[in-house]
Protein backbone atom coordinates (compact mmCIF):
# COMPACT_ATOMS: atom_id res chain seq x y z
CA UNK A 1 -33.95 -0.38 -27.36
CA UNK A 2 -34.97 -2.39 -24.79
CA UNK A 3 -32.13 -2.80 -23.17
CA UNK A 4 -32.45 1.22 -22.33
CA UNK A 5 -35.55 0.81 -20.58
CA UNK A 6 -35.75 0.28 -16.64
CA UNK A 7 -38.72 -1.21 -14.52
CA UNK A 8 -37.92 2.27 -11.86
CA UNK A 9 -38.74 4.35 -15.07
CA UNK A 10 -41.41 2.04 -16.93
CA UNK A 11 -43.97 -0.01 -15.47
CA UNK A 12 -43.70 -3.65 -16.49
CA UNK A 13 -46.24 -6.15 -16.27
CA UNK A 14 -44.64 -9.59 -15.16
CA UNK A 15 -47.00 -12.33 -14.96
CA UNK A 16 -45.43 -15.63 -12.60
CA UNK A 17 -46.09 -18.46 -10.48
CA UNK A 18 -42.61 -18.37 -9.39
CA UNK A 19 -42.53 -16.21 -5.17
CA UNK A 20 -39.34 -15.73 -5.99
CA UNK A 21 -39.60 -13.48 -8.98
CA UNK A 22 -43.01 -11.81 -7.53
CA UNK A 23 -41.44 -11.23 -4.22
CA UNK A 24 -39.75 -8.45 -6.17
CA UNK A 25 -42.40 -6.28 -7.13
CA UNK A 26 -43.77 -3.34 -5.99
CA UNK A 27 -47.63 -4.06 -6.38
CA UNK A 28 -49.22 -7.46 -5.99
CA UNK A 29 -52.09 -8.99 -7.61
CA UNK A 30 -53.73 -11.98 -7.08
CA UNK A 31 -55.74 -13.49 -9.88
CA UNK A 32 -58.02 -16.52 -9.63
CA UNK A 33 -60.21 -18.24 -12.43
CA UNK A 34 -62.96 -20.01 -11.04
CA UNK A 35 -63.45 -23.61 -12.80
CA UNK A 36 -67.17 -23.89 -12.49
CA UNK A 37 -67.52 -20.86 -14.48
CA UNK A 38 -64.58 -19.51 -15.73
CA UNK A 39 -65.05 -16.10 -13.41
CA UNK A 40 -61.66 -14.45 -12.84
CA UNK A 41 -61.04 -12.58 -9.33
CA UNK A 42 -57.92 -10.25 -9.34
CA UNK A 43 -57.21 -8.84 -5.60
CA UNK A 44 -54.69 -6.25 -4.79
CA UNK A 45 -53.04 -7.94 -1.79
CA UNK A 46 -51.62 -6.04 1.38
CA UNK A 47 -48.28 -6.66 3.09
CA UNK A 48 -50.06 -9.79 4.75
CA UNK A 49 -51.90 -11.24 2.34
CA UNK A 50 -48.97 -10.81 0.07
CA UNK A 51 -46.71 -12.56 2.63
CA UNK A 52 -49.02 -15.69 2.84
CA UNK A 53 -49.48 -15.61 -1.10
CA UNK A 54 -45.76 -15.71 -2.06
CA UNK A 55 -45.66 -18.98 0.82
CA UNK A 56 -48.07 -20.65 -0.82
CA UNK A 57 -46.12 -19.39 -4.12
CA UNK A 58 -43.93 -20.99 -2.45
CA UNK A 59 -44.46 -24.66 -0.97
CA UNK A 60 -48.50 -24.40 -1.12
CA UNK A 61 -48.72 -24.16 2.52
CA UNK A 62 -48.86 -21.90 4.38
CA UNK A 63 -47.18 -21.88 7.46
CA UNK A 64 -45.25 -20.19 10.14
CA UNK A 65 -41.63 -21.61 8.57
CA UNK A 66 -42.68 -21.02 4.69
CA UNK A 67 -43.83 -17.46 5.58
CA UNK A 68 -40.16 -16.40 7.76
CA UNK A 69 -39.02 -17.82 3.86
CA UNK A 70 -41.54 -15.54 1.97
CA UNK A 71 -39.92 -12.74 4.61
CA UNK A 72 -36.60 -14.20 3.37
CA UNK A 73 -37.62 -12.87 -0.39
CA UNK A 74 -39.31 -9.70 0.54
CA UNK A 75 -35.79 -8.35 2.37
């Protein structure tokens, strides 16, 4: 049954635009699609880039305030 599956024991893939959900991930991939030629780029983010990505997702702006908010989501 699906209710017995646990993310600590199984691989779970979640695609989201919500920073509060993305902050809970063990691994963070940033996926972008070029409008010009539909090329897709996938990057595995380090901790600093992850923080900036969460800040961007949360407010659309990356600055000290949004970085602090992103840090609070990770804790």
